[in-house]
Protein backbone atom coordinates (compact mmCIF):
# COMPACT_ATOMS: atom_id res chain seq x y z
CA MET A 1 -61.01 -60.64 -2.45
CA GLU A 2 -59.27 -60.51 1.08
CA PRO A 3 -58.09 -63.82 2.74
CA ALA A 4 -60.52 -65.11 5.37
CA THR A 5 -59.36 -63.88 9.02
CA ALA A 6 -58.39 -67.01 10.97
CA SER A 7 -60.53 -67.49 13.85
CA VAL A 8 -60.90 -70.01 16.94
CA LEU A 9 -63.58 -71.58 18.75
CA ILE A 10 -62.57 -71.94 21.88
CA VAL A 11 -64.97 -74.78 23.71
CA GLU A 12 -64.48 -74.58 26.88
CA ASP A 13 -66.86 -74.54 30.31
CA ASP A 14 -64.55 -73.23 33.07
CA PRO A 15 -64.95 -69.02 32.41
CA GLN A 16 -61.51 -68.64 34.32
CA ILE A 17 -59.78 -70.89 31.40
CA ALA A 18 -61.54 -69.82 28.59
CA SER A 19 -61.43 -65.92 29.11
CA ALA A 20 -57.62 -66.73 29.55
CA ILE A 21 -57.26 -68.69 26.42
CA HIS A 22 -59.07 -65.53 24.81
CA GLY A 23 -57.17 -63.02 26.61
CA ALA A 24 -54.05 -64.85 24.68
CA LEU A 25 -55.15 -64.89 21.48
CA GLU A 26 -56.41 -62.02 21.43
CA ASP A 27 -52.99 -60.14 22.63
CA GLU A 28 -51.88 -62.08 19.46
CA GLY A 29 -54.87 -60.64 17.20
CA ILE A 30 -56.48 -63.72 16.01
CA GLU A 31 -59.53 -63.84 16.97
CA SER A 32 -61.35 -66.36 18.81
CA GLU A 33 -64.81 -66.53 20.61
CA ILE A 34 -66.06 -69.02 23.42
CA ALA A 35 -68.47 -71.49 23.81
CA GLY A 36 -69.52 -72.93 27.26
CA THR A 37 -71.21 -76.22 26.17
CA VAL A 38 -71.57 -78.33 22.99
CA ALA A 39 -75.57 -76.94 22.16
CA GLU A 40 -73.74 -73.47 21.73
CA ALA A 41 -70.30 -74.72 20.07
CA HIS A 42 -72.08 -75.85 17.35
CA ARG A 43 -73.67 -72.95 16.72
CA LEU A 44 -71.33 -70.73 17.20
CA PHE A 45 -69.34 -73.20 15.11
CA GLU A 46 -72.49 -73.05 11.83
CA ALA A 47 -72.91 -68.97 12.58
CA ARG A 48 -68.77 -69.13 11.47
CA ARG A 49 -66.62 -71.80 10.76
CA PRO A 50 -63.80 -71.27 12.09
CA THR A 51 -60.35 -72.47 11.87
CA LEU A 52 -59.27 -74.18 14.43
CA ILE A 53 -61.78 -75.73 17.65
CA LEU A 54 -59.76 -75.97 20.88
CA LEU A 55 -61.79 -78.09 22.37
CA ASP A 56 -62.53 -78.93 25.82
CA TRP A 57 -63.79 -82.65 26.80
CA ASN A 58 -65.86 -83.01 29.66
CA LEU A 59 -68.89 -80.20 29.48
CA PRO A 60 -71.97 -79.61 31.12
CA ASP A 61 -74.17 -80.97 28.49
CA GLY A 62 -71.79 -83.91 26.36
CA SER A 63 -68.52 -84.77 25.72
CA GLY A 64 -65.99 -83.85 22.87
CA GLU A 65 -67.32 -85.99 21.14
CA ASP A 66 -70.70 -84.47 21.03
CA VAL A 67 -68.79 -81.71 19.37
CA VAL A 68 -67.21 -83.38 16.98
CA ARG A 69 -70.15 -85.63 15.70
CA ALA A 70 -71.84 -82.21 15.83
CA VAL A 71 -69.44 -80.59 13.38
CA ARG A 72 -67.44 -83.10 11.26
CA PRO A 73 -69.98 -84.19 9.06
CA ARG A 74 -70.14 -80.29 8.20
CA ASP A 75 -66.41 -80.07 7.82
CA ALA A 76 -64.07 -82.41 8.24
CA SER A 77 -61.09 -80.55 7.26
CA VAL A 78 -60.90 -77.89 10.82
CA PRO A 79 -58.11 -79.35 13.30
CA ILE A 80 -59.46 -80.03 16.96
CA VAL A 81 -56.67 -79.63 19.37
CA VAL A 82 -58.37 -80.88 23.23
CA MET A 83 -57.65 -79.57 25.58
CA SER A 84 -58.23 -81.52 28.84
CA ALA A 85 -57.44 -82.91 32.44
CA ALA A 86 -58.48 -86.09 32.09
CA ARG A 87 -56.08 -88.95 31.11
CA ASP A 88 -59.15 -90.21 30.27
CA ALA A 89 -60.22 -87.79 28.29
CA ILE A 90 -57.32 -87.36 26.59
CA VAL A 91 -56.90 -91.32 25.16
CA ALA A 92 -60.59 -90.68 24.07
CA SER A 93 -59.45 -87.97 21.80
CA TYR A 94 -57.64 -90.50 19.90
CA GLY A 95 -60.85 -91.97 18.61
CA VAL A 96 -61.65 -88.61 17.23
CA ASP A 97 -59.31 -87.82 14.38
CA ALA A 98 -58.09 -84.60 16.96
CA ARG A 99 -55.03 -83.21 15.55
CA GLU A 100 -53.44 -81.84 18.95
CA ARG A 101 -54.22 -83.10 22.71
CA LEU A 102 -53.31 -80.32 25.77
CA SER A 103 -53.22 -81.92 29.09
CA LYS A 104 -54.73 -79.14 31.22
CA PRO A 105 -52.83 -76.92 33.25
CA PHE A 106 -50.65 -76.15 30.09
CA ASP A 107 -48.68 -73.03 29.36
CA LEU A 108 -50.12 -70.25 27.53
CA ASP A 109 -47.44 -69.67 25.67
CA ARG A 110 -47.52 -73.28 24.42
CA LEU A 111 -50.92 -72.78 23.37
CA VAL A 112 -50.66 -69.77 21.23
CA THR A 113 -47.39 -71.57 19.35
CA LEU A 114 -49.86 -74.64 18.08
CA VAL A 115 -52.50 -71.89 17.63
CA ARG A 116 -49.91 -69.68 15.15
CA ARG A 117 -49.39 -73.51 13.81
CA TYR A 118 -52.66 -74.41 12.39
CA CYS A 119 -53.96 -70.14 11.90
CA GLY A 120 -51.07 -68.87 10.38
């Protein structure tokens, strides 16, 4: 049996940021899917449990906390990296067991290095 392929769920409502992250990961051979809302993140998480979640905190239909509350009961071990430009969002992310935090804007090379740490 082959090992499962590492995959990343990118939860980001800004299409340019989501596309840049997706492209950088694709260039590294890391599979990823993009969700622009809490609802879409929940649906994609259920369809294919990702190895890692990259989570924007402020979404059009809720917050990163809503995403965490939806996925944690189903898989408490999936690492979550919060990405936000809002300082209060970074502070709030400490209450949801996020493994890492990235303040926007961030360097894509740094993000890829971080993703590799969790995805092998």
